[in-house]
Amino acid sequence: MESWLEARGVTFRHPRGAEGEVGVEGVDLAVGAGEVVALIGPSGGGKTTLVRLFAGLTRPDAGELYLAGRPYAELDLREVRRRVGLLGQVGHMFPGTVAANVATAARLAGNDPAAVDVAHWLAAVGLDAVLAERPAVRLSVGQQQRVALARLLAMGPRWLLLDEPTAALDPTSSGVIEALLARLRDAGMGILLVTHELDLARRLAERVAILAGGRVVEAGRAESVLSRTEDPALNARLHGEGPG
């Protein structure tokens, strides 16, 4: 499917011990254009592993990943990383100014950094252009996260992989990021959102998947899955307890 980022039967085992520790096992998951899929579940359940697989940072041991209908195995990983952007909890800054950090996106995408409209991308994440010449490492944590997102968006991705993007932010910065994600979704971008914030998932996501023990143990429409969080069986899955 050309408008989907997809995992089919994906398994990855971390190389620990003779048998290997399961990171994810037989995962089927798809993210369509213009939708947010929230990935929730207990810590250590495989969420970050799955995000790294989608980002092309790790290759699966079994199964296949697809980008717009094409298997990753047939793609140049530079294309994957250009079209599928990854943002974690902390927006790591490169040495230099804010402008240099945002312009780095063009270099990573194989384009001319001088062509990047830094002010445009800063405005897109709610930052003033006067910050452009400030050393990036002197920004607040919330500002750095927003610069990291601006840098990512300047690469022109079709999908975003967000691993707890608001976990380290103050409420104001979190609100800015959430509003921006809603606009990106409405503009047709597909977003895989890893979060422990169920209220955030309720507000942004169309679909939710619970990953526990490396497996998708529950998936469906967000309103359906999240309306049952008080159900003992579902609550156990959210916390990695009971049968998967």
C-alpha atoms as a PDB file:
ATOM      1  CA  MET A   1       0.000   0.000   0.000  1.00  0.00           C
ATOM      2  CA  GLU A   2       1.622   3.211  -1.183  1.00  0.00           C
ATOM      3  CA  SER A   3       0.368   5.367   1.677  1.00  0.00           C
ATOM      4  CA  TRP A   4       1.459   3.049   4.474  1.00  0.00           C
ATOM      5  CA  LEU A   5       4.457   2.404   6.669  1.00  0.00           C
ATOM      6  CA  GLU A   6       4.096  -1.228   7.638  1.00  0.00           C
ATOM      7  CA  ALA A   7       5.583  -4.118   9.605  1.00  0.00           C
ATOM      8  CA  ARG A   8       4.555  -7.651   8.650  1.00  0.00           C
ATOM      9  CA  GLY A   9       5.505 -10.483  10.972  1.00  0.00           C
ATOM     10  CA  VAL A  10       8.558  -8.583  12.202  1.00  0.00           C
ATOM     11  CA  THR A  11      10.811 -10.275  14.755  1.00  0.00           C
ATOM     12  CA  PHE A  12      14.022  -8.929  16.257  1.00  0.00           C
ATOM     13  CA  ARG A  13      16.068 -10.576  19.000  1.00  0.00           C
ATOM     14  CA  HIS A  14      18.673  -8.654  20.919  1.00  0.00           C
ATOM     15  CA  PRO A  15      22.020 -10.507  20.875  1.00  0.00           C
ATOM     16  CA  ARG A  16      22.157 -11.405  24.545  1.00  0.00           C
ATOM     17  CA  GLY A  17      22.675 -14.956  25.696  1.00  0.00           C
ATOM     18  CA  ALA A  18      22.799 -18.098  23.637  1.00  0.00           C
ATOM     19  CA  GLU A  19      19.182 -17.983  22.532  1.00  0.00           C
ATOM     20  CA  GLY A  20      18.855 -14.226  22.181  1.00  0.00           C
ATOM     21  CA  GLU A  21      16.425 -12.000  24.058  1.00  0.00           C
ATOM     22  CA  VAL A  22      13.227 -11.227  22.163  1.00  0.00           C
ATOM     23  CA  GLY A  23      12.862  -7.546  21.324  1.00  0.00           C
ATOM     24  CA  VAL A  24       9.741  -7.902  19.178  1.00  0.00           C
ATOM     25  CA  GLU A  25       8.087 -11.073  17.980  1.00  0.00           C
ATOM     26  CA  GLY A  26       5.810 -11.430  14.942  1.00  0.00           C
ATOM     27  CA  VAL A  27       4.638  -7.814  14.966  1.00  0.00           C
ATOM     28  CA  ASP A  28       2.073  -6.642  12.402  1.00  0.00           C
ATOM     29  CA  LEU A  29       1.495  -2.888  12.450  1.00  0.00           C
ATOM     30  CA  ALA A  30       0.747  -0.221   9.838  1.00  0.00           C
ATOM     31  CA  VAL A  31       0.668   3.579   9.916  1.00  0.00           C
ATOM     32  CA  GLY A  32      -1.296   5.290   7.161  1.00  0.00           C
ATOM     33  CA  ALA A  33      -0.913   8.773   5.732  1.00  0.00           C
ATOM     34  CA  GLY A  34      -2.774  11.327   7.806  1.00  0.00           C
ATOM     35  CA  GLU A  35      -3.203   9.223  10.925  1.00  0.00           C
ATOM     36  CA  VAL A  36      -1.605   8.902  14.336  1.00  0.00           C
ATOM     37  CA  VAL A  37      -1.102   5.410  15.722  1.00  0.00           C
ATOM     38  CA  ALA A  38      -0.256   5.389  19.431  1.00  0.00           C
ATOM     39  CA  LEU A  39       2.007   2.595  20.652  1.00  0.00           C
ATOM     40  CA  ILE A  40       1.531   2.035  24.367  1.00  0.00           C
ATOM     41  CA  GLY A  41       2.407  -0.637  26.902  1.00  0.00           C
ATOM     42  CA  PRO A  42       4.863  -1.433  29.691  1.00  0.00           C
ATOM     43  CA  SER A  43       8.487  -0.327  29.737  1.00  0.00           C
ATOM     44  CA  GLY A  44      10.688  -2.978  28.179  1.00  0.00           C
ATOM     45  CA  GLY A  45       7.824  -4.221  26.035  1.00  0.00           C
ATOM     46  CA  GLY A  46       9.598  -3.597  22.735  1.00  0.00           C
ATOM     47  CA  LYS A  47       8.276  -0.167  21.732  1.00  0.00           C
ATOM     48  CA  THR A  48      11.653   1.502  21.235  1.00  0.00           C
ATOM     49  CA  THR A  49      12.974  -1.581  19.438  1.00  0.00           C
ATOM     50  CA  LEU A  50      10.084  -1.400  16.970  1.00  0.00           C
ATOM     51  CA  VAL A  51      10.657   2.319  16.404  1.00  0.00           C
ATOM     52  CA  ARG A  52      14.346   1.692  15.665  1.00  0.00           C
ATOM     53  CA  LEU A  53      13.371  -0.996  13.170  1.00  0.00           C
ATOM     54  CA  PHE A  54      10.991   1.360  11.377  1.00  0.00           C
ATOM     55  CA  ALA A  55      13.725   4.028  11.346  1.00  0.00           C
ATOM     56  CA  GLY A  56      16.109   1.677   9.561  1.00  0.00           C
ATOM     57  CA  LEU A  57      18.576   1.694  12.469  1.00  0.00           C
ATOM     58  CA  THR A  58      18.176  -2.053  12.979  1.00  0.00           C
ATOM     59  CA  ARG A  59      17.230  -4.843  10.598  1.00  0.00           C
ATOM     60  CA  PRO A  60      14.667  -7.489  11.558  1.00  0.00           C
ATOM     61  CA  ASP A  61      15.660 -11.121  12.020  1.00  0.00           C
ATOM     62  CA  ALA A  62      12.401 -12.210  10.394  1.00  0.00           C
ATOM     63  CA  GLY A  63       9.442 -10.605   8.684  1.00  0.00           C
ATOM     64  CA  GLU A  64       9.592  -7.459   6.591  1.00  0.00           C
ATOM     65  CA  LEU A  65       9.140  -3.718   6.836  1.00  0.00           C
ATOM     66  CA  TYR A  66       7.519  -1.762   4.004  1.00  0.00           C
ATOM     67  CA  LEU A  67       7.758   1.877   2.998  1.00  0.00           C
ATOM     68  CA  ALA A  68       5.005   2.964   0.596  1.00  0.00           C
ATOM     69  CA  GLY A  69       4.549  -0.623  -0.551  1.00  0.00           C
ATOM     70  CA  ARG A  70       8.246  -1.355  -1.072  1.00  0.00           C
ATOM     71  CA  PRO A  71      10.195  -3.674   1.241  1.00  0.00           C
ATOM     72  CA  TYR A  72      13.032  -2.062   3.165  1.00  0.00           C
ATOM     73  CA  ALA A  73      15.326  -4.793   1.830  1.00  0.00           C
ATOM     74  CA  GLU A  74      15.037  -3.208  -1.631  1.00  0.00           C
ATOM     75  CA  LEU A  75      15.568   0.376  -0.463  1.00  0.00           C
ATOM     76  CA  ASP A  76      18.618   2.523   0.161  1.00  0.00           C
ATOM     77  CA  LEU A  77      18.588   3.148   3.917  1.00  0.00           C
ATOM     78  CA  ARG A  78      19.340   6.817   3.258  1.00  0.00           C
ATOM     79  CA  GLU A  79      15.967   7.036   1.522  1.00  0.00           C
ATOM     80  CA  VAL A  80      14.276   5.352   4.482  1.00  0.00           C
ATOM     81  CA  ARG A  81      15.873   7.771   6.935  1.00  0.00           C
ATOM     82  CA  ARG A  82      14.945  10.753   4.767  1.00  0.00           C
ATOM     83  CA  ARG A  83      11.294   9.754   4.460  1.00  0.00           C
ATOM     84  CA  VAL A  84      10.847   8.340   7.968  1.00  0.00           C
ATOM     85  CA  GLY A  85      11.913  10.800  10.670  1.00  0.00           C
ATOM     86  CA  LEU A  86      12.768   9.768  14.235  1.00  0.00           C
ATOM     87  CA  LEU A  87      12.520  11.933  17.352  1.00  0.00           C
ATOM     88  CA  GLY A  88      13.185  10.655  20.866  1.00  0.00           C
ATOM     89  CA  GLN A  89      12.621  12.030  24.359  1.00  0.00           C
ATOM     90  CA  VAL A  90      15.568  14.402  24.155  1.00  0.00           C
ATOM     91  CA  GLY A  91      16.350  16.617  21.182  1.00  0.00           C
ATOM     92  CA  HIS A  92      20.093  16.132  20.819  1.00  0.00           C
ATOM     93  CA  MET A  93      21.805  19.219  19.426  1.00  0.00           C
ATOM     94  CA  PHE A  94      24.769  19.289  17.072  1.00  0.00           C
ATOM     95  CA  PRO A  95      27.562  21.785  17.856  1.00  0.00           C
ATOM     96  CA  GLY A  96      26.898  25.296  16.583  1.00  0.00           C
ATOM     97  CA  THR A  97      23.919  27.584  16.253  1.00  0.00           C
ATOM     98  CA  VAL A  98      20.236  26.802  16.063  1.00  0.00           C
ATOM     99  CA  ALA A  99      20.331  27.753  12.369  1.00  0.00           C
ATOM    100  CA  ALA A 100      23.192  25.332  11.741  1.00  0.00           C
ATOM    101  CA  ASN A 101      21.245  22.572  13.459  1.00  0.00           C
ATOM    102  CA  VAL A 102      18.151  23.115  11.330  1.00  0.00           C
ATOM    103  CA  ALA A 103      20.200  23.432   8.129  1.00  0.00           C
ATOM    104  CA  THR A 104      21.917  20.129   8.936  1.00  0.00           C
ATOM    105  CA  ALA A 105      18.707  18.467   7.782  1.00  0.00           C
ATOM    106  CA  ALA A 106      19.403  19.444   4.194  1.00  0.00           C
ATOM    107  CA  ARG A 107      22.910  18.006   4.310  1.00  0.00           C
ATOM    108  CA  LEU A 108      21.578  14.752   5.750  1.00  0.00           C
ATOM    109  CA  ALA A 109      19.013  14.643   2.941  1.00  0.00           C
ATOM    110  CA  GLY A 110      21.685  15.316   0.311  1.00  0.00           C
ATOM    111  CA  ASN A 111      20.562  18.890  -0.382  1.00  0.00           C
ATOM    112  CA  ASP A 112      22.121  22.351  -0.060  1.00  0.00           C
ATOM    113  CA  PRO A 113      22.003  23.578   3.581  1.00  0.00           C
ATOM    114  CA  ALA A 114      21.969  27.184   2.329  1.00  0.00           C
ATOM    115  CA  ALA A 115      18.563  26.534   0.751  1.00  0.00           C
ATOM    116  CA  VAL A 116      16.882  25.764   4.085  1.00  0.00           C
ATOM    117  CA  ASP A 117      14.444  28.453   5.263  1.00  0.00           C
ATOM    118  CA  VAL A 118      15.442  28.308   8.922  1.00  0.00           C
ATOM    119  CA  ALA A 119      12.955  30.976  10.024  1.00  0.00           C
ATOM    120  CA  HIS A 120      10.103  29.023   8.404  1.00  0.00           C
ATOM    121  CA  TRP A 121      10.923  25.817  10.238  1.00  0.00           C
ATOM    122  CA  LEU A 122      11.453  27.570  13.556  1.00  0.00           C
ATOM    123  CA  ALA A 123       8.062  29.246  13.162  1.00  0.00           C
ATOM    124  CA  ALA A 124       6.524  25.856  12.383  1.00  0.00           C
ATOM    125  CA  VAL A 125       7.495  24.637  15.858  1.00  0.00           C
ATOM    126  CA  GLY A 126       6.557  27.870  17.613  1.00  0.00           C
ATOM    127  CA  LEU A 127      10.048  29.371  17.982  1.00  0.00           C
ATOM    128  CA  ASP A 128      11.091  32.926  17.143  1.00  0.00           C
ATOM    129  CA  ALA A 129      13.616  33.471  14.363  1.00  0.00           C
ATOM    130  CA  VAL A 130      15.775  35.524  16.760  1.00  0.00           C
ATOM    131  CA  LEU A 131      16.926  32.206  18.227  1.00  0.00           C
ATOM    132  CA  ALA A 132      18.555  31.195  14.944  1.00  0.00           C
ATOM    133  CA  GLU A 133      22.022  32.500  15.829  1.00  0.00           C
ATOM    134  CA  ARG A 134      21.962  31.347  19.430  1.00  0.00           C
ATOM    135  CA  PRO A 135      24.161  28.365  20.387  1.00  0.00           C
ATOM    136  CA  ALA A 136      21.795  25.394  20.340  1.00  0.00           C
ATOM    137  CA  VAL A 137      23.209  23.889  23.536  1.00  0.00           C
ATOM    138  CA  ARG A 138      22.153  26.994  25.484  1.00  0.00           C
ATOM    139  CA  LEU A 139      18.468  26.513  24.780  1.00  0.00           C
ATOM    140  CA  SER A 140      16.062  25.068  27.314  1.00  0.00           C
ATOM    141  CA  VAL A 141      15.169  21.383  27.066  1.00  0.00           C
ATOM    142  CA  GLY A 142      11.787  22.279  25.587  1.00  0.00           C
ATOM    143  CA  GLN A 143      13.343  24.589  23.009  1.00  0.00           C
ATOM    144  CA  GLN A 144      15.922  21.960  22.047  1.00  0.00           C
ATOM    145  CA  GLN A 145      13.173  19.412  21.481  1.00  0.00           C
ATOM    146  CA  ARG A 146      11.370  21.858  19.214  1.00  0.00           C
ATOM    147  CA  VAL A 147      14.569  22.630  17.281  1.00  0.00           C
ATOM    148  CA  ALA A 148      15.119  18.884  16.850  1.00  0.00           C
ATOM    149  CA  LEU A 149      11.608  18.585  15.439  1.00  0.00           C
ATOM    150  CA  ALA A 150      12.201  21.569  13.115  1.00  0.00           C
ATOM    151  CA  ARG A 151      15.405  19.907  11.893  1.00  0.00           C
ATOM    152  CA  LEU A 152      13.482  16.709  11.275  1.00  0.00           C
ATOM    153  CA  LEU A 153      10.645  18.417   9.396  1.00  0.00           C
ATOM    154  CA  ALA A 154      13.123  20.286   7.192  1.00  0.00           C
ATOM    155  CA  MET A 155      14.146  16.910   5.752  1.00  0.00           C
ATOM    156  CA  GLY A 156      10.628  16.488   4.347  1.00  0.00           C
ATOM    157  CA  PRO A 157       9.606  13.137   5.872  1.00  0.00           C
ATOM    158  CA  ARG A 158       6.307  11.417   5.058  1.00  0.00           C
ATOM    159  CA  TRP A 159       6.179   9.635   8.410  1.00  0.00           C
ATOM    160  CA  LEU A 160       7.301  10.543  11.910  1.00  0.00           C
ATOM    161  CA  LEU A 161       8.402   8.098  14.596  1.00  0.00           C
ATOM    162  CA  LEU A 162       8.067   9.801  17.972  1.00  0.00           C
ATOM    163  CA  ASP A 163       9.434   7.992  21.024  1.00  0.00           C
ATOM    164  CA  GLU A 164       7.986   9.738  24.106  1.00  0.00           C
ATOM    165  CA  PRO A 165       8.452  13.180  22.483  1.00  0.00           C
ATOM    166  CA  THR A 166       6.837  15.152  25.331  1.00  0.00           C
ATOM    167  CA  ALA A 167       8.050  13.101  28.309  1.00  0.00           C
ATOM    168  CA  ALA A 168      10.820  15.547  29.294  1.00  0.00           C
ATOM    169  CA  LEU A 169       8.942  18.754  28.471  1.00  0.00           C
ATOM    170  CA  ASP A 170       7.155  21.391  30.508  1.00  0.00           C
ATOM    171  CA  PRO A 171       3.393  21.763  29.919  1.00  0.00           C
ATOM    172  CA  THR A 172       3.812  24.749  27.571  1.00  0.00           C
ATOM    173  CA  SER A 173       6.313  22.985  25.308  1.00  0.00           C
ATOM    174  CA  SER A 174       4.223  19.802  25.420  1.00  0.00           C
ATOM    175  CA  GLY A 175       1.180  21.745  24.288  1.00  0.00           C
ATOM    176  CA  VAL A 176       3.087  23.294  21.381  1.00  0.00           C
ATOM    177  CA  ILE A 177       4.359  19.890  20.245  1.00  0.00           C
ATOM    178  CA  GLU A 178       0.895  18.330  20.533  1.00  0.00           C
ATOM    179  CA  ALA A 179      -0.736  21.108  18.508  1.00  0.00           C
ATOM    180  CA  LEU A 180       1.944  20.777  15.837  1.00  0.00           C
ATOM    181  CA  LEU A 181       1.468  17.007  15.626  1.00  0.00           C
ATOM    182  CA  ALA A 182      -2.265  17.504  15.152  1.00  0.00           C
ATOM    183  CA  ARG A 183      -1.581  19.917  12.272  1.00  0.00           C
ATOM    184  CA  LEU A 184       0.909  17.519  10.671  1.00  0.00           C
ATOM    185  CA  ARG A 185      -1.612  14.681  10.934  1.00  0.00           C
ATOM    186  CA  ASP A 186      -4.308  16.824   9.350  1.00  0.00           C
ATOM    187  CA  ALA A 187      -1.880  17.738   6.546  1.00  0.00           C
ATOM    188  CA  GLY A 188      -1.450  14.056   5.686  1.00  0.00           C
ATOM    189  CA  MET A 189       1.612  12.966   7.631  1.00  0.00           C
ATOM    190  CA  GLY A 190       1.609   9.518   9.227  1.00  0.00           C
ATOM    191  CA  ILE A 191       2.795   9.412  12.845  1.00  0.00           C
ATOM    192  CA  LEU A 192       3.740   6.500  15.098  1.00  0.00           C
ATOM    193  CA  LEU A 193       3.603   7.879  18.634  1.00  0.00           C
ATOM    194  CA  VAL A 194       5.165   5.950  21.511  1.00  0.00           C
ATOM    195  CA  THR A 195       3.757   7.283  24.758  1.00  0.00           C
ATOM    196  CA  HIS A 196       2.846   6.426  28.323  1.00  0.00           C
ATOM    197  CA  GLU A 197       0.445   9.390  28.372  1.00  0.00           C
ATOM    198  CA  LEU A 198      -2.942   7.842  27.685  1.00  0.00           C
ATOM    199  CA  ASP A 199      -4.656  11.233  27.563  1.00  0.00           C
ATOM    200  CA  LEU A 200      -2.257  12.312  24.807  1.00  0.00           C
ATOM    201  CA  ALA A 201      -3.066   9.129  22.902  1.00  0.00           C
ATOM    202  CA  ARG A 202      -6.791   9.839  23.297  1.00  0.00           C
ATOM    203  CA  ARG A 203      -6.443  13.347  21.900  1.00  0.00           C
ATOM    204  CA  LEU A 204      -4.188  12.560  18.939  1.00  0.00           C
ATOM    205  CA  ALA A 205      -4.506   8.944  17.863  1.00  0.00           C
ATOM    206  CA  GLU A 206      -6.988   7.244  15.560  1.00  0.00           C
ATOM    207  CA  ARG A 207      -5.663   3.796  16.438  1.00  0.00           C
ATOM    208  CA  VAL A 208      -3.830   2.304  19.404  1.00  0.00           C
ATOM    209  CA  ALA A 209      -1.658  -0.790  19.731  1.00  0.00           C
ATOM    210  CA  ILE A 210      -0.478  -2.256  23.036  1.00  0.00           C
ATOM    211  CA  LEU A 211       2.968  -3.840  22.830  1.00  0.00           C
ATOM    212  CA  ALA A 212       3.950  -6.100  25.735  1.00  0.00           C
ATOM    213  CA  GLY A 213       6.564  -8.814  25.854  1.00  0.00           C
ATOM    214  CA  GLY A 214       7.512  -7.920  22.304  1.00  0.00           C
ATOM    215  CA  ARG A 215       4.054  -8.729  20.921  1.00  0.00           C
ATOM    216  CA  VAL A 216       1.037  -6.672  19.926  1.00  0.00           C
ATOM    217  CA  VAL A 217      -1.435  -7.922  22.513  1.00  0.00           C
ATOM    218  CA  GLU A 218      -4.264  -5.495  21.730  1.00  0.00           C
ATOM    219  CA  ALA A 219      -4.992  -3.167  18.824  1.00  0.00           C
ATOM    220  CA  GLY A 220      -7.951  -1.204  17.548  1.00  0.00           C
ATOM    221  CA  ARG A 221      -9.635   2.163  17.321  1.00  0.00           C
ATOM    222  CA  ALA A 222      -8.331   4.493  19.996  1.00  0.00           C
ATOM    223  CA  GLU A 223     -11.719   5.209  21.525  1.00  0.00           C
ATOM    224  CA  SER A 224     -12.449   1.488  21.784  1.00  0.00           C
ATOM    225  CA  VAL A 225      -9.146   0.418  23.331  1.00  0.00           C
ATOM    226  CA  LEU A 226      -8.677   3.396  25.636  1.00  0.00           C
ATOM    227  CA  SER A 227     -12.252   3.334  26.913  1.00  0.00           C
ATOM    228  CA  ARG A 228     -11.461  -0.016  28.545  1.00  0.00           C
ATOM    229  CA  THR A 229      -8.337   0.943  30.499  1.00  0.00           C
ATOM    230  CA  GLU A 230     -10.139   0.179  33.768  1.00  0.00           C
ATOM    231  CA  ASP A 231     -10.832  -3.360  32.591  1.00  0.00           C
ATOM    232  CA  PRO A 232      -8.576  -5.649  34.704  1.00  0.00           C
ATOM    233  CA  ALA A 233      -7.452  -7.780  31.759  1.00  0.00           C
ATOM    234  CA  LEU A 234      -6.553  -4.784  29.588  1.00  0.00           C
ATOM    235  CA  ASN A 235      -4.914  -3.003  32.504  1.00  0.00           C
ATOM    236  CA  ALA A 236      -2.735  -6.058  33.097  1.00  0.00           C
ATOM    237  CA  ARG A 237      -1.603  -5.942  29.480  1.00  0.00           C
ATOM    238  CA  LEU A 238      -0.766  -2.256  29.755  1.00  0.00           C
ATOM    239  CA  HIS A 239       1.510  -3.069  32.676  1.00  0.00           C
ATOM    240  CA  GLY A 240       2.967  -6.248  31.217  1.00  0.00           C
ATOM    241  CA  GLU A 241       1.105  -8.605  33.522  1.00  0.00           C
ATOM    242  CA  GLY A 242      -0.978 -11.660  32.798  1.00  0.00           C
ATOM    243  CA  PRO A 243      -1.320 -13.532  29.505  1.00  0.00           C
ATOM    244  CA  GLY A 244      -0.440 -11.762  26.242  1.00  0.00           C
END
